[in-house]
Protein backbone atom coordinates (compact mmCIF):
# COMPACT_ATOMS: atom_id res chain seq x y z
CA UNK A 1 67.57 39.17 23.06
CA UNK A 2 65.61 42.11 21.28
CA UNK A 3 62.27 41.06 22.52
CA UNK A 4 59.41 43.43 23.29
CA UNK A 5 60.38 44.07 26.93
CA UNK A 6 63.89 45.00 25.67
CA UNK A 7 62.61 47.58 23.08
CA UNK A 8 60.17 49.12 25.55
CA UNK A 9 63.03 49.55 28.02
CA UNK A 10 65.17 51.17 25.44
CA UNK A 11 62.38 53.55 24.58
CA UNK A 12 61.97 54.54 28.17
CA UNK A 13 65.56 55.06 28.46
CA UNK A 14 65.73 57.06 25.26
CA UNK A 15 62.70 59.31 25.68
CA UNK A 16 62.54 59.63 29.50
CA UNK A 17 65.67 58.77 31.42
CA UNK A 18 68.33 60.31 29.00
CA UNK A 19 66.82 63.69 28.58
CA UNK A 20 66.10 63.90 32.31
CA UNK A 21 69.60 62.97 33.31
CA UNK A 22 71.02 65.39 30.55
CA UNK A 23 69.07 68.19 31.91
CA UNK A 24 70.17 67.42 35.52
CA UNK A 25 73.89 67.54 34.28
CA UNK A 26 73.49 70.78 32.51
CA UNK A 27 71.67 72.56 35.31
CA UNK A 28 73.42 74.24 38.16
CA UNK A 29 75.46 71.47 39.90
CA UNK A 30 74.45 70.00 43.07
CA UNK A 31 76.97 67.40 44.31
CA UNK A 32 74.45 64.63 45.40
CA UNK A 33 72.30 64.92 42.35
CA UNK A 34 75.26 65.11 39.98
CA UNK A 35 77.03 62.18 41.67
CA UNK A 36 73.93 59.98 41.11
CA UNK A 37 73.47 61.23 37.43
CA UNK A 38 77.00 60.39 36.66
CA UNK A 39 76.55 56.99 38.00
CA UNK A 40 73.51 56.49 35.70
CA UNK A 41 75.49 57.75 32.76
CA UNK A 42 78.14 55.40 33.43
CA UNK A 43 75.68 52.50 33.41
CA UNK A 44 73.99 53.77 30.25
CA UNK A 45 77.35 54.02 28.48
CA UNK A 46 78.54 50.55 29.74
CA UNK A 47 75.42 48.74 29.11
CA UNK A 48 73.43 50.42 26.34
CA UNK A 49 75.96 52.21 24.21
CA UNK A 50 75.26 50.08 21.12
CA UNK A 51 71.53 50.52 21.43
CA UNK A 52 71.55 54.23 22.34
CA UNK A 53 74.18 55.57 20.15
CA UNK A 54 73.03 59.06 19.81
CA UNK A 55 72.41 59.44 23.52
CA UNK A 56 75.85 57.92 24.30
CA UNK A 57 77.50 60.59 22.01
CA UNK A 58 75.42 63.31 23.67
CA UNK A 59 76.62 62.17 27.16
CA UNK A 60 80.29 61.73 25.99
CA UNK A 61 80.39 65.36 24.54
CA UNK A 62 78.91 66.54 27.76
CA UNK A 63 81.42 64.85 29.78
CA UNK A 64 84.15 66.15 27.55
CA UNK A 65 82.85 69.71 27.79
CA UNK A 66 82.67 69.38 31.62
CA UNK A 67 86.31 68.10 31.81
CA UNK A 68 87.52 70.92 29.48
CA UNK A 69 85.59 73.67 31.36
CA UNK A 70 87.74 75.80 33.72
CA UNK A 71 87.04 75.48 37.32
CA UNK A 72 84.89 77.95 39.45
CA UNK A 73 88.04 79.50 40.86
CA UNK A 74 88.66 81.17 37.55
CA UNK A 75 87.53 84.85 37.13
CA UNK A 76 83.93 84.73 35.48
CA UNK A 77 84.82 87.83 33.45
CA UNK A 78 87.47 85.67 31.72
CA UNK A 79 85.01 83.02 30.50
CA UNK A 80 83.18 83.49 27.23
CA UNK A 81 79.67 84.41 27.42
CA UNK A 82 77.23 81.41 27.78
CA UNK A 83 80.10 79.29 28.98
CA UNK A 84 79.26 78.01 32.53
CA UNK A 85 82.23 77.32 34.78
CA UNK A 86 82.01 73.93 36.64
CA UNK A 87 83.27 73.15 40.09
CA UNK A 88 86.39 71.12 40.25
CA UNK A 89 84.56 68.14 41.85
CA UNK A 90 82.25 68.02 38.81
CA UNK A 91 85.22 67.72 36.39
CA UNK A 92 86.68 64.92 38.66
CA UNK A 93 83.33 62.97 38.42
CA UNK A 94 83.37 63.33 34.50
CA UNK A 95 86.97 62.11 34.55
CA UNK A 96 85.98 59.09 36.61
CA UNK A 97 83.31 58.09 34.12
CA UNK A 98 85.53 58.56 31.10
CA UNK A 99 88.19 56.55 32.84
CA UNK A 100 85.69 53.67 33.50
């Protein structure tokens, strides 16, 4: 199964798609973009977690960080410096991915 096309696909996923999706999920949240990115992350984790171990770990840690983040209703002065608050809908999307 690990023919030339498969390894080329893995290289494209690893060097182009994964960094793009990670950056999109780390930037200022926009619901339509975040929804699509979380769907891509779900597929990557489901279909390529064995081949993309490092990237899978990065996405899982990002999802855990999103879930653990306080909602945007909290007082920004209470959050540590550099710690972005996430909207509640983003936490729900991350929980859906972890559940799946």
